[in-house]
Amino acid sequence: MQTTKRPYTITRGKVIFDYSTIYCETPEKLLKSDLFAEIVERFIERIASKGNSLFAFLREKLPAVERVKMSAYMANIFRLLASHTADEISSMNSEYGPVLSEKEKLFEFIEELYNFWRRFERFIYLEAPQRSKYTKNSLHHAQFIKSNEEFKSLVLYVYRRISENLIGKNPRVYRQLPAGANMGMLLEKIEWACPELYATLTEIPFIRLTLIEPPVILYPVMNTRKGRFEEIPDLNKEVLSLNAEDWYCFPAKVGDLTAFIYFHHDFISLALSMCNLFEIADYEDIEGKVPDLVLVFGVKGSLPGDTVFYEDKESNMLVGVVRHSETVDYFGYFKKMTLTLHNIAMLKRNRLPLHGAMVCIKLKDGASANVIIIGDSGAGKSETIEALRLLADEHICEMVIIFDDMGSIGIDGNGTVVGYGTEIGAFVRLDDLQAGYAYEEIDRSIFMNPDKTNARLIMPITRYHHIVKGCPVHMVLYANNYEQVNEDIPAIEFFSNPDEAISVFRSAARFAKGTTDEKGLVHTYFANPFGAPQRKEIHEKIAREYFDRMFKTGVRVGQIRTRLGIEGFEQDGPKTASMELFKEIRRGSLTE
């Protein structure tokens, strides 16, 4: 069954519109569009419900205009102001004289309407004809980008033209505010080898290209993640009875796996933010293929929990399902459910999934090391690597991130333990970054709830080819965020045997930082609640094999005390830990 997307949707503070059906190349077309009319109507409803003085102004100046016709009346005034001055309009038609006579109050109305529009999270999309394979043609990319630029310029032009014709003078300061779309997507329907159980997904278009107009600041309902991802024994087909008009698919490369991430449009801001975290899959990864992972985010059917997953052994897919609820309106659910599926897939391939960060470091004096720091949320792994970055100008000639949250280790043809990543970006706590760094990255980052505890940003940090090539591992450290450092307790401590190491990694103690619903000193199996506990028996076996091999092949295994969980050491703790790590590398014992 073929479906046609609606021209636009306004939902939960978001405006999602198809630019091919709401194409406006002139001010007249923009001001006559259904979308503009609805924005004016919603704005008037808002000021009326609040008893705002702007609505009192309209009631006073337009006593003969019925409430239901007020938005159409104002839209008509704006169309006139787009091409005539206020004085010209009044002389042509005295009907408009009263409302145009108080220019400052009407200007305030225009300004607040403009701000009302800009407060929406705005998403533009274009859908290509099916099987166009336009991804090989940069012309379509250029047209898509040009469409967004033209729309942004048109909105700014109309706002300024109307304001200038009303007030009668040009402004002294022009602010090039992002007035068009915050984010955009180019869509295409692609045929994939879809098992019958998932047939309703075939009508949902894939995202082939995204764009961002930074700075992007989003305000999801939640700012922490709760609960666990529970496995279910079977998947009811009714759960996947979806209205394709309300859904899109982000095809992601999660390491070397392909994931089809389907999402309801209510979660579009979170879903499109994945463009800063995962590589978008190529056409060849989709057409005629069965994905390794499928995530369906925002279903309204009956589920035993908000976040569940299912291993489809017949189709050899791992499938995650997330219920439509405000409680999952947090980016961590997209990220962690996808990575849970990835981790289970890695265990099936006899790789050991790791919740941590890996970086390849080369010093100016010639020493080098590829280091993995393992820890659950808030342990300080990313913060320690960020502190290392600050040493770069003085001591480090190159740093390559392999993964910043989730990766895996495998064994290459030479029997060497090598590390693989999953993401090209990082989802990090704003509070724990070095002062000013977030603002240096503002032109590339997506900010989430910057005014709240556990404020986050998503920023690209590495290239896809780095995360999939497999890098030899020299050092593996557990991020201990709760123990103080003194003369007897060093910042970095190495274990003497696999049993000692496994005991610490298995216990994975940390002081919870408020990134989840946990509090105080907690323990997480191998610091990895994403797949490891759900497959504990096989994970235990594989972990033992890898720790034994690391000790036999000279990989140094220990713990690094970041002190991120100790009050007052959120900045100095990772900084001291990074300095000690730098010294360990500089000693030259790890130089290849």
Protein backbone atom coordinates (compact mmCIF):
# COMPACT_ATOMS: atom_id res chain seq x y z
CA MET A 1 0.00 0.00 0.00
CA GLN A 2 1.48 3.33 -1.08
CA THR A 3 1.23 6.25 1.31
CA THR A 4 1.71 9.97 0.83
CA LYS A 5 3.22 12.09 3.54
CA ARG A 6 1.23 15.07 4.74
CA PRO A 7 2.62 18.45 3.59
CA TYR A 8 3.48 19.32 7.17
CA THR A 9 3.00 18.14 10.72
CA ILE A 10 3.06 20.19 13.91
CA THR A 11 3.60 17.99 16.95
CA ARG A 12 5.09 18.41 20.42
CA GLY A 13 6.85 21.69 19.67
CA LYS A 14 8.11 20.50 16.28
CA VAL A 15 7.28 21.54 12.72
CA ILE A 16 8.06 18.90 10.08
CA PHE A 17 7.35 19.91 6.50
CA ASP A 18 7.81 18.58 2.99
CA TYR A 19 9.42 21.38 1.01
CA SER A 20 8.39 19.87 -2.31
CA THR A 21 4.71 20.47 -1.46
CA ILE A 22 5.20 23.74 0.43
CA TYR A 23 7.68 25.20 -2.02
CA CYS A 24 7.73 29.00 -1.66
CA GLU A 25 10.00 31.00 -3.96
CA THR A 26 8.30 34.35 -3.30
CA PRO A 27 7.06 36.24 -0.21
CA GLU A 28 3.52 36.05 -1.59
CA LYS A 29 3.56 32.24 -1.72
CA LEU A 30 5.06 31.96 1.74
CA LEU A 31 2.42 34.27 3.24
CA LYS A 32 -0.38 32.40 1.46
CA SER A 33 0.81 28.95 2.53
CA ASP A 34 -1.28 26.77 4.84
CA LEU A 35 1.70 26.40 7.16
CA PHE A 36 2.01 30.17 7.66
CA ALA A 37 -1.75 30.44 8.26
CA GLU A 38 -1.62 27.76 10.94
CA ILE A 39 1.40 29.32 12.66
CA VAL A 40 -0.47 32.66 12.86
CA GLU A 41 -3.58 30.88 14.17
CA ARG A 42 -1.60 29.02 16.83
CA PHE A 43 0.16 32.21 17.89
CA ILE A 44 -3.11 34.08 18.31
CA GLU A 45 -4.53 31.15 20.29
CA ARG A 46 -1.50 31.29 22.54
CA ILE A 47 -1.66 35.01 23.31
CA ALA A 48 -5.44 34.78 23.76
CA SER A 49 -5.15 31.92 26.28
CA LYS A 50 -2.57 33.88 28.27
CA GLY A 51 -4.56 37.10 28.29
CA ASN A 52 -1.58 38.80 26.62
CA SER A 53 -1.71 42.54 25.91
CA LEU A 54 -1.10 41.79 22.23
CA PHE A 55 -4.43 39.98 22.05
CA ALA A 56 -6.11 42.88 23.84
CA PHE A 57 -4.59 45.14 21.17
CA LEU A 58 -6.16 43.03 18.42
CA ARG A 59 -9.55 42.98 20.12
CA GLU A 60 -9.47 46.73 20.52
CA LYS A 61 -8.40 47.52 16.94
CA LEU A 62 -10.43 44.79 15.23
CA PRO A 63 -13.78 44.82 17.06
CA ALA A 64 -15.70 43.75 13.95
CA VAL A 65 -13.46 40.78 13.14
CA GLU A 66 -14.66 37.45 14.48
CA ARG A 67 -12.16 35.51 16.57
CA VAL A 68 -12.05 32.62 14.10
CA LYS A 69 -11.27 35.00 11.24
CA MET A 70 -8.64 37.02 13.09
CA SER A 71 -5.65 34.97 11.90
CA ALA A 72 -6.74 35.24 8.26
CA TYR A 73 -7.21 39.01 8.69
CA MET A 74 -3.70 39.42 10.13
CA ALA A 75 -2.18 37.21 7.43
CA ASN A 76 -3.75 39.48 4.84
CA ILE A 77 -2.20 42.54 6.49
CA PHE A 78 1.20 40.86 6.38
CA ARG A 79 0.78 40.14 2.66
CA LEU A 80 0.04 43.81 2.07
CA LEU A 81 3.01 44.90 4.21
CA ALA A 82 5.31 42.65 2.18
CA SER A 83 4.90 44.99 -0.80
CA HIS A 84 3.54 48.31 0.56
CA THR A 85 4.28 50.69 3.41
CA ALA A 86 1.80 51.09 6.25
CA ASP A 87 0.88 54.58 5.06
CA GLU A 88 0.25 53.35 1.51
CA ILE A 89 -2.04 50.58 2.80
CA SER A 90 -4.03 52.99 5.00
CA SER A 91 -4.52 55.40 2.09
CA MET A 92 -5.71 52.56 -0.18
CA ASN A 93 -8.09 51.03 2.37
CA SER A 94 -9.14 52.84 5.53
CA GLU A 95 -10.29 49.52 7.02
CA TYR A 96 -6.70 48.78 7.98
CA GLY A 97 -6.06 52.23 9.45
CA PRO A 98 -6.82 51.41 13.14
CA VAL A 99 -4.50 48.41 13.43
CA LEU A 100 -1.74 50.11 11.40
CA SER A 101 -1.96 53.35 13.37
CA GLU A 102 -0.20 51.84 16.42
CA LYS A 103 2.92 50.81 14.61
CA GLU A 104 4.99 49.94 17.68
CA LYS A 105 2.34 47.58 19.04
CA LEU A 106 1.89 45.89 15.67
CA PHE A 107 5.68 45.63 15.35
CA GLU A 108 5.73 43.92 18.75
CA PHE A 109 3.12 41.47 17.43
CA ILE A 110 5.28 40.74 14.38
CA GLU A 111 8.38 40.29 16.50
CA GLU A 112 6.67 37.87 18.88
CA LEU A 113 5.15 35.92 15.99
CA TYR A 114 8.63 35.59 14.49
CA ASN A 115 10.01 34.38 17.83
CA PHE A 116 7.09 31.97 18.18
CA TRP A 117 8.05 30.40 14.85
CA ARG A 118 11.72 30.20 15.79
CA ARG A 119 10.96 28.49 19.11
CA PHE A 120 9.64 25.47 17.22
CA GLU A 121 12.14 22.74 16.38
CA ARG A 122 11.93 22.95 12.58
CA PHE A 123 12.61 20.07 10.19
CA ILE A 124 12.54 20.16 6.40
CA TYR A 125 12.55 17.14 4.13
CA LEU A 126 12.47 16.23 0.45
CA GLU A 127 11.61 12.78 -0.84
CA ALA A 128 13.21 11.48 -4.02
CA PRO A 129 11.42 9.14 -6.47
CA GLN A 130 11.85 5.51 -5.50
CA ARG A 131 14.88 3.70 -6.93
CA SER A 132 16.43 6.92 -8.22
CA LYS A 133 19.80 6.04 -6.73
CA TYR A 134 20.42 9.77 -6.61
CA THR A 135 22.96 9.27 -3.81
CA LYS A 136 25.53 8.81 -6.58
CA ASN A 137 24.58 12.18 -8.04
CA SER A 138 25.81 15.21 -6.10
CA LEU A 139 23.29 17.38 -7.99
CA HIS A 140 20.49 16.13 -5.73
CA HIS A 141 22.57 16.96 -2.66
CA ALA A 142 23.21 20.46 -3.96
CA GLN A 143 19.51 20.98 -4.72
CA PHE A 144 18.54 19.86 -1.24
CA ILE A 145 21.04 22.18 0.45
CA LYS A 146 20.03 25.03 -1.86
CA SER A 147 16.34 24.51 -1.00
CA ASN A 148 17.06 24.89 2.70
CA GLU A 149 19.21 27.98 2.14
CA GLU A 150 16.53 29.57 -0.03
CA PHE A 151 13.82 28.90 2.54
CA LYS A 152 15.92 30.37 5.37
CA SER A 153 16.70 33.47 3.29
CA LEU A 154 13.06 33.88 2.30
CA VAL A 155 11.81 33.77 5.89
CA LEU A 156 14.39 36.35 6.96
CA TYR A 157 13.58 38.56 3.96
CA VAL A 158 9.82 38.47 4.60
CA TYR A 159 10.24 39.23 8.31
CA ARG A 160 12.52 42.19 7.57
CA ARG A 161 10.48 43.50 4.64
CA ILE A 162 7.26 43.52 6.66
CA SER A 163 8.96 45.16 9.64
CA GLU A 164 10.63 47.84 7.52
CA ASN A 165 7.43 48.67 5.62
CA LEU A 166 5.57 49.00 8.92
CA ILE A 167 8.10 51.11 10.84
CA GLY A 168 9.30 53.07 7.83
CA LYS A 169 13.05 52.66 8.38
CA ASN A 170 15.77 50.07 8.12
CA PRO A 171 17.28 48.44 11.23
CA ARG A 172 20.79 49.40 12.36
CA VAL A 173 21.70 45.81 13.25
CA TYR A 174 20.97 42.77 11.10
CA ARG A 175 21.03 39.49 12.97
CA GLN A 176 21.38 36.48 10.68
CA LEU A 177 19.35 34.23 12.96
CA PRO A 178 18.53 30.66 11.90
CA ALA A 179 14.95 31.23 10.74
CA GLY A 180 14.52 28.31 8.37
CA ALA A 181 14.93 24.65 9.30
CA ASN A 182 17.14 23.56 12.20
CA MET A 183 17.66 20.17 10.58
CA GLY A 184 16.77 18.57 7.29
CA MET A 185 16.66 15.19 5.61
CA LEU A 186 16.63 13.86 2.08
CA LEU A 187 14.42 10.75 1.87
CA GLU A 188 14.17 7.77 -0.44
CA LYS A 189 12.21 4.52 -0.40
CA ILE A 190 14.57 1.61 -0.97
CA GLU A 191 13.60 -2.03 -1.32
CA TRP A 192 15.34 -4.29 1.18
CA ALA A 193 15.07 -8.01 1.89
CA CYS A 194 12.33 -7.61 4.46
CA PRO A 195 11.08 -10.70 6.34
CA GLU A 196 7.29 -11.03 6.35
CA LEU A 197 6.98 -10.18 10.06
CA TYR A 198 8.26 -6.66 9.37
CA ALA A 199 6.32 -5.99 6.15
CA THR A 200 4.82 -2.70 7.40
CA LEU A 201 8.33 -1.21 7.55
CA THR A 202 8.80 -1.39 3.79
CA GLU A 203 6.68 1.74 3.14
CA ILE A 204 8.81 3.89 5.46
CA PRO A 205 11.42 6.00 3.62
CA PHE A 206 15.12 5.94 4.44
CA ILE A 207 17.13 9.05 5.27
CA ARG A 208 19.90 9.39 2.70
CA LEU A 209 21.30 12.80 3.64
CA THR A 210 20.95 15.14 6.60
CA LEU A 211 21.81 18.76 7.23
CA ILE A 212 22.18 20.78 10.42
CA GLU A 213 21.95 24.54 10.94
CA PRO A 214 24.07 25.03 14.09
CA PRO A 215 23.91 25.82 16.85
CA VAL A 216 21.14 23.25 17.39
CA ILE A 217 19.72 23.33 20.92
CA LEU A 218 17.07 20.77 21.78
CA TYR A 219 14.91 20.34 24.87
CA PRO A 220 13.75 16.72 25.16
CA VAL A 221 11.29 15.95 27.96
CA MET A 222 13.72 13.75 29.90
CA ASN A 223 17.39 14.28 30.70
CA THR A 224 18.25 10.87 32.20
CA ARG A 225 17.76 7.26 31.23
CA LYS A 226 16.02 4.73 33.49
CA GLY A 227 15.52 0.99 33.63
CA ARG A 228 16.96 -1.89 31.63
CA PHE A 229 16.54 -3.27 28.16
CA GLU A 230 14.67 -6.53 28.65
CA GLU A 231 14.62 -9.44 26.21
CA ILE A 232 11.27 -10.84 25.06
CA PRO A 233 10.81 -14.41 23.70
CA ASP A 234 8.75 -13.41 20.66
CA LEU A 235 7.51 -10.35 18.81
CA ASN A 236 3.82 -9.78 18.15
CA LYS A 237 3.19 -8.67 14.58
CA GLU A 238 0.51 -6.25 15.82
CA VAL A 239 3.18 -4.22 17.59
CA LEU A 240 4.60 -3.36 14.17
CA SER A 241 1.30 -2.17 12.69
CA LEU A 242 2.53 1.34 11.89
CA ASN A 243 1.16 4.27 9.92
CA ALA A 244 4.01 4.88 7.48
CA GLU A 245 3.05 8.58 7.18
CA ASP A 246 4.30 9.12 10.73
CA TRP A 247 7.59 7.25 10.41
CA TYR A 248 11.11 7.58 8.99
CA CYS A 249 14.19 5.35 9.00
CA PHE A 250 17.74 6.37 9.87
CA PRO A 251 20.03 3.69 8.37
CA ALA A 252 23.15 3.64 10.53
CA LYS A 253 26.51 1.95 10.39
CA VAL A 254 27.19 0.79 13.95
CA GLY A 255 30.77 -0.31 13.62
CA ASP A 256 30.68 -2.75 10.72
CA LEU A 257 27.02 -3.62 11.38
CA THR A 258 24.05 -2.09 9.56
CA ALA A 259 21.13 -0.89 11.67
CA PHE A 260 17.75 0.29 10.39
CA ILE A 261 16.51 2.71 13.06
CA TYR A 262 12.81 3.47 12.54
CA PHE A 263 11.30 6.33 14.52
CA HIS A 264 7.94 8.02 15.00
CA HIS A 265 7.98 11.68 13.98
CA ASP A 266 7.36 12.79 17.58
CA PHE A 267 11.00 11.79 18.23
CA ILE A 268 12.48 13.33 15.08
CA SER A 269 14.81 15.75 16.87
CA LEU A 270 16.46 12.93 18.82
CA ALA A 271 16.59 10.62 15.81
CA LEU A 272 18.19 13.15 13.45
CA SER A 273 20.76 13.93 16.15
CA MET A 274 22.17 10.49 15.39
CA CYS A 275 23.82 12.02 12.32
CA ASN A 276 26.46 13.36 14.74
CA LEU A 277 26.90 9.90 16.27
CA PHE A 278 26.61 7.23 13.56
CA GLU A 279 27.72 7.06 9.94
CA ILE A 280 24.74 6.96 7.57
CA ALA A 281 24.67 3.65 5.70
CA ASP A 282 25.32 3.62 1.96
CA TYR A 283 22.71 2.67 -0.62
CA GLU A 284 24.56 -0.62 -1.14
CA ASP A 285 24.15 -1.44 2.57
CA ILE A 286 20.36 -1.20 2.20
CA GLU A 287 19.13 -2.34 -1.22
CA GLY A 288 18.24 -6.00 -1.22
CA LYS A 289 19.92 -6.57 2.15
CA VAL A 290 18.80 -7.81 5.56
CA PRO A 291 20.12 -5.50 8.31
CA ASP A 292 22.01 -6.83 11.31
CA LEU A 293 19.96 -4.67 13.69
CA VAL A 294 16.50 -3.12 13.63
CA LEU A 295 15.20 -0.57 16.13
CA VAL A 296 11.57 0.61 16.08
CA PHE A 297 11.28 3.66 18.31
CA GLY A 298 7.85 5.01 19.27
CA VAL A 299 5.37 2.14 18.83
CA LYS A 300 1.93 2.56 20.37
CA GLY A 301 1.08 -1.13 20.59
CA SER A 302 1.13 -3.31 23.68
CA LEU A 303 4.58 -4.12 25.07
CA PRO A 304 5.71 -5.77 28.32
CA GLY A 305 7.97 -2.78 28.98
CA ASP A 306 9.12 0.55 27.54
CA THR A 307 12.36 -0.85 26.12
CA VAL A 308 12.54 -4.45 24.91
CA PHE A 309 14.48 -6.45 22.35
CA TYR A 310 14.04 -9.69 20.47
CA GLU A 311 16.53 -12.04 18.82
CA ASP A 312 15.05 -13.09 15.48
CA LYS A 313 17.12 -16.22 14.87
CA GLU A 314 15.25 -17.12 11.71
CA SER A 315 16.13 -13.81 10.02
CA ASN A 316 19.43 -13.43 11.91
CA MET A 317 18.43 -9.98 13.14
CA LEU A 318 18.37 -8.37 16.57
CA VAL A 319 15.28 -6.20 16.96
CA GLY A 320 14.74 -3.47 19.56
CA VAL A 321 11.32 -1.93 20.25
CA VAL A 322 10.69 1.22 22.28
CA ARG A 323 7.22 2.28 23.38
CA HIS A 324 5.86 5.73 22.50
CA SER A 325 6.10 7.59 25.80
CA GLU A 326 7.45 10.85 27.18
CA THR A 327 9.58 8.80 29.58
CA VAL A 328 11.80 7.72 26.66
CA ASP A 329 12.10 11.22 25.19
CA TYR A 330 15.87 11.21 25.79
CA PHE A 331 18.67 10.61 23.32
CA GLY A 332 20.24 7.94 25.52
CA TYR A 333 17.44 5.52 24.63
CA PHE A 334 18.22 5.74 20.91
CA LYS A 335 21.93 5.36 21.49
CA LYS A 336 21.95 2.68 24.18
CA MET A 337 19.28 0.43 22.70
CA THR A 338 21.17 0.43 19.38
CA LEU A 339 24.43 -0.36 21.17
CA THR A 340 22.79 -3.11 23.24
CA LEU A 341 21.82 -4.84 20.01
CA HIS A 342 25.34 -4.28 18.68
CA ASN A 343 26.92 -5.82 21.78
CA ILE A 344 24.82 -8.97 21.61
CA ALA A 345 25.77 -9.29 17.94
CA MET A 346 29.46 -8.96 18.89
CA LEU A 347 29.17 -11.75 21.46
CA LYS A 348 27.69 -13.96 18.74
CA ARG A 349 30.84 -13.20 16.69
CA ASN A 350 33.09 -14.09 19.64
CA ARG A 351 34.14 -10.47 20.16
CA LEU A 352 34.10 -8.90 23.62
CA PRO A 353 31.95 -5.71 23.73
CA LEU A 354 33.32 -2.93 25.91
CA HIS A 355 31.61 0.08 27.48
CA GLY A 356 34.44 2.56 27.36
CA ALA A 357 36.69 4.68 25.20
CA MET A 358 39.73 3.90 23.05
CA VAL A 359 42.29 6.36 21.77
CA CYS A 360 45.49 5.96 19.76
CA ILE A 361 48.08 8.40 21.10
CA LYS A 362 51.40 9.44 19.54
CA LEU A 363 53.73 11.72 21.48
CA LYS A 364 56.15 14.21 20.00
CA ASP A 365 59.10 12.27 21.47
CA GLY A 366 58.13 9.14 19.53
CA ALA A 367 56.33 7.13 22.23
CA SER A 368 52.87 5.81 21.39
CA ALA A 369 50.07 3.68 22.83
CA ASN A 370 46.57 2.55 21.96
CA VAL A 371 44.65 2.81 25.22
CA ILE A 372 41.20 1.57 26.24
CA ILE A 373 39.48 3.05 29.31
CA ILE A 374 36.45 1.06 30.46
CA GLY A 375 33.66 2.39 32.69
CA ASP A 376 29.91 2.86 32.99
CA SER A 377 28.17 6.22 32.56
CA GLY A 378 29.86 8.95 34.60
CA ALA A 379 33.04 6.96 35.35
CA GLY A 380 35.24 9.54 33.65
CA LYS A 381 36.45 7.70 30.56
CA SER A 382 35.49 10.41 28.05
CA GLU A 383 36.54 13.19 30.42
CA THR A 384 40.01 11.71 30.85
CA ILE A 385 40.48 11.53 27.10
CA GLU A 386 39.20 15.09 26.82
CA ALA A 387 41.79 16.16 29.43
CA LEU A 388 44.41 14.39 27.31
CA ARG A 389 43.35 16.50 24.35
CA LEU A 390 44.44 19.61 26.26
CA LEU A 391 47.98 18.20 26.37
CA ALA A 392 48.01 17.88 22.61
CA ASP A 393 49.65 21.21 21.69
CA GLU A 394 52.57 20.74 24.07
CA HIS A 395 53.21 16.99 24.14
CA ILE A 396 51.03 15.06 21.69
CA CYS A 397 51.42 15.02 17.94
CA GLU A 398 48.38 12.88 17.14
CA MET A 399 45.27 11.49 18.83
CA VAL A 400 42.84 9.23 16.99
CA ILE A 401 39.60 8.22 18.71
CA ILE A 402 38.53 4.64 17.96
CA PHE A 403 35.49 4.74 20.24
CA ASP A 404 34.18 7.06 22.90
CA ASP A 405 31.44 4.99 24.50
CA MET A 406 31.05 1.52 23.07
CA GLY A 407 33.38 -0.72 21.15
CA SER A 408 34.65 -4.27 21.06
CA ILE A 409 37.89 -6.19 20.99
CA GLY A 410 38.66 -9.04 18.65
CA ILE A 411 41.68 -11.02 17.51
CA ASP A 412 43.31 -10.43 14.13
CA GLY A 413 45.04 -12.97 11.91
CA ASN A 414 48.29 -12.58 13.84
CA GLY A 415 46.68 -13.36 17.19
CA THR A 416 46.85 -9.70 18.30
CA VAL A 417 44.05 -8.18 20.40
CA VAL A 418 42.59 -5.31 18.36
CA GLY A 419 39.92 -2.72 19.12
CA TYR A 420 36.91 -1.69 17.02
CA GLY A 421 34.53 1.21 17.48
CA THR A 422 30.85 1.81 16.86
CA GLU A 423 30.33 5.57 16.63
CA ILE A 424 31.86 8.53 14.83
CA GLY A 425 30.64 10.90 17.56
CA ALA A 426 30.33 11.34 21.30
CA PHE A 427 27.35 11.98 23.60
CA VAL A 428 29.00 13.69 26.57
CA ARG A 429 28.05 15.57 29.71
CA LEU A 430 28.41 19.32 29.27
CA ASP A 431 29.25 19.78 32.97
CA ASP A 432 32.30 17.52 32.82
CA LEU A 433 33.98 19.09 29.80
CA GLN A 434 36.82 21.54 30.30
CA ALA A 435 35.57 25.11 30.57
CA GLY A 436 35.02 26.68 27.17
CA TYR A 437 35.49 23.52 25.11
CA ALA A 438 31.79 23.12 24.38
CA TYR A 439 31.71 26.64 22.94
CA GLU A 440 34.71 25.91 20.72
CA GLU A 441 32.65 23.06 19.25
CA ILE A 442 29.34 24.96 19.07
CA ASP A 443 29.42 25.11 15.27
CA ARG A 444 29.33 21.30 15.01
CA SER A 445 27.51 20.21 18.16
CA ILE A 446 23.92 19.42 19.06
CA PHE A 447 23.09 20.59 22.59
CA MET A 448 20.41 18.93 24.72
CA ASN A 449 18.84 20.54 27.81
CA PRO A 450 21.84 22.86 28.44
CA ASP A 451 19.98 24.44 31.38
CA LYS A 452 19.52 21.18 33.32
CA THR A 453 21.53 18.65 35.32
CA ASN A 454 23.16 16.11 32.99
CA ALA A 455 23.14 18.59 30.10
CA ARG A 456 24.60 16.89 27.04
CA LEU A 457 26.05 17.58 23.65
CA ILE A 458 26.58 15.32 20.65
CA MET A 459 29.61 16.09 18.53
CA PRO A 460 31.49 14.26 15.77
CA ILE A 461 34.95 13.13 16.93
CA THR A 462 36.39 10.62 14.45
CA ARG A 463 36.14 9.14 10.96
CA TYR A 464 34.38 5.90 10.10
CA HIS A 465 37.43 4.19 8.64
CA HIS A 466 39.25 4.56 11.98
CA ILE A 467 36.59 2.69 13.93
CA VAL A 468 36.34 -0.36 11.67
CA LYS A 469 39.95 -1.08 10.68
CA GLY A 470 40.96 -2.76 13.96
CA CYS A 471 43.74 -1.17 16.06
CA PRO A 472 46.17 -3.16 18.26
CA VAL A 473 45.48 -2.73 21.98
CA HIS A 474 48.40 -1.84 24.30
CA MET A 475 46.71 -0.86 27.53
CA VAL A 476 43.28 -1.53 29.10
CA LEU A 477 42.27 0.45 32.20
CA TYR A 478 39.15 0.41 34.37
CA ALA A 479 37.90 3.95 35.18
CA ASN A 480 37.61 4.14 38.97
CA ASN A 481 35.76 7.38 39.73
CA TYR A 482 35.27 7.07 43.50
CA GLU A 483 38.69 6.43 45.14
CA GLN A 484 40.93 9.27 46.23
CA VAL A 485 44.58 9.43 45.08
CA ASN A 486 47.46 9.75 47.57
CA GLU A 487 50.98 8.49 48.24
CA ASP A 488 49.74 4.94 48.77
CA ILE A 489 47.03 4.91 46.10
CA PRO A 490 48.35 5.90 42.64
CA ALA A 491 46.29 7.39 39.85
CA ILE A 492 47.18 4.39 37.68
CA GLU A 493 47.64 0.88 39.03
CA PHE A 494 48.35 -2.27 37.00
CA PHE A 495 47.18 -5.79 37.85
CA SER A 496 49.55 -8.73 38.06
CA ASN A 497 47.28 -11.50 36.76
CA PRO A 498 43.99 -12.08 34.90
CA ASP A 499 42.04 -13.15 38.02
CA GLU A 500 42.82 -9.88 39.81
CA ALA A 501 41.86 -7.87 36.74
CA ILE A 502 38.64 -9.75 36.02
CA SER A 503 37.53 -9.31 39.65
CA VAL A 504 37.74 -5.51 39.37
CA PHE A 505 36.22 -5.31 35.89
CA ARG A 506 33.39 -7.69 36.76
CA SER A 507 32.51 -5.77 39.95
CA ALA A 508 32.82 -2.41 38.12
CA ALA A 509 32.20 -0.19 41.12
CA ARG A 510 31.53 3.50 40.50
CA PHE A 511 29.88 6.47 42.14
CA ALA A 512 26.74 7.33 40.16
CA LYS A 513 26.87 10.79 38.60
CA GLY A 514 23.14 11.30 37.99
CA THR A 515 23.27 10.27 34.34
CA THR A 516 20.78 7.46 35.07
CA ASP A 517 18.35 6.84 37.94
CA GLU A 518 21.11 5.26 40.07
CA LYS A 519 22.53 6.92 43.18
CA GLY A 520 25.59 6.42 45.37
CA LEU A 521 28.18 3.66 44.96
CA VAL A 522 26.85 1.10 42.49
CA HIS A 523 28.10 -1.98 40.65
CA THR A 524 27.43 -2.94 37.04
CA TYR A 525 28.52 -6.24 35.55
CA PHE A 526 31.69 -5.44 33.56
CA ALA A 527 30.58 -1.77 33.53
CA ASN A 528 28.29 -2.72 30.67
CA PRO A 529 24.52 -3.07 31.20
CA PHE A 530 24.05 -3.10 27.44
CA GLY A 531 24.12 -6.73 26.36
CA ALA A 532 26.59 -8.21 28.84
CA PRO A 533 24.08 -9.05 31.62
CA GLN A 534 21.54 -10.28 29.07
CA ARG A 535 24.13 -12.76 27.73
CA LYS A 536 26.08 -13.28 30.95
CA GLU A 537 27.08 -16.91 30.44
CA ILE A 538 28.65 -16.42 27.03
CA HIS A 539 30.07 -13.03 28.07
CA GLU A 540 31.84 -14.59 31.06
CA LYS A 541 33.46 -17.21 28.82
CA ILE A 542 34.60 -14.70 26.20
CA ALA A 543 35.86 -12.22 28.82
CA ARG A 544 38.03 -14.93 30.39
CA GLU A 545 39.51 -15.80 26.99
CA TYR A 546 40.37 -12.18 26.21
CA PHE A 547 41.83 -11.30 29.62
CA ASP A 548 44.02 -14.40 29.49
CA ARG A 549 45.19 -13.49 26.01
CA MET A 550 45.91 -9.87 26.96
CA PHE A 551 48.17 -10.92 29.81
CA LYS A 552 49.92 -13.51 27.62
CA THR A 553 50.55 -11.04 24.79
CA GLY A 554 51.79 -8.15 26.95
CA VAL A 555 48.73 -5.90 27.01
CA ARG A 556 48.94 -3.94 30.27
CA VAL A 557 45.71 -4.17 32.30
CA GLY A 558 44.93 -1.98 35.30
CA GLN A 559 42.74 0.81 36.65
CA ILE A 560 42.87 4.58 36.40
CA ARG A 561 41.43 6.71 39.20
CA THR A 562 39.57 9.57 37.55
CA ARG A 563 37.89 10.83 40.78
CA LEU A 564 35.03 12.15 38.64
CA GLY A 565 32.53 11.02 41.27
CA ILE A 566 34.26 12.90 44.10
CA GLU A 567 32.88 16.38 44.69
CA GLY A 568 35.36 19.06 43.75
CA PHE A 569 37.43 16.80 41.48
CA GLU A 570 35.17 16.84 38.40
CA GLN A 571 37.84 18.77 36.47
CA ASP A 572 41.10 18.08 38.35
CA GLY A 573 40.49 14.33 38.71
CA PRO A 574 40.48 13.51 34.98
CA LYS A 575 43.26 16.05 34.43
CA THR A 576 45.56 14.34 36.96
CA ALA A 577 44.63 10.91 35.58
CA SER A 578 45.44 12.02 32.04
CA MET A 579 48.83 13.37 33.16
CA GLU A 580 49.69 10.03 34.76
CA LEU A 581 48.59 8.23 31.62
CA PHE A 582 50.76 10.56 29.58
CA LYS A 583 53.73 9.73 31.82
CA GLU A 584 53.12 6.00 31.42
CA ILE A 585 53.19 6.37 27.66
CA ARG A 586 56.22 8.69 27.74
CA ARG A 587 58.29 6.17 29.65
CA GLY A 588 58.52 4.42 26.32
CA SER A 589 57.58 0.97 27.54
CA LEU A 590 54.73 0.87 25.02
CA THR A 591 56.54 2.32 22.02
CA GLU A 592 56.21 0.05 19.04
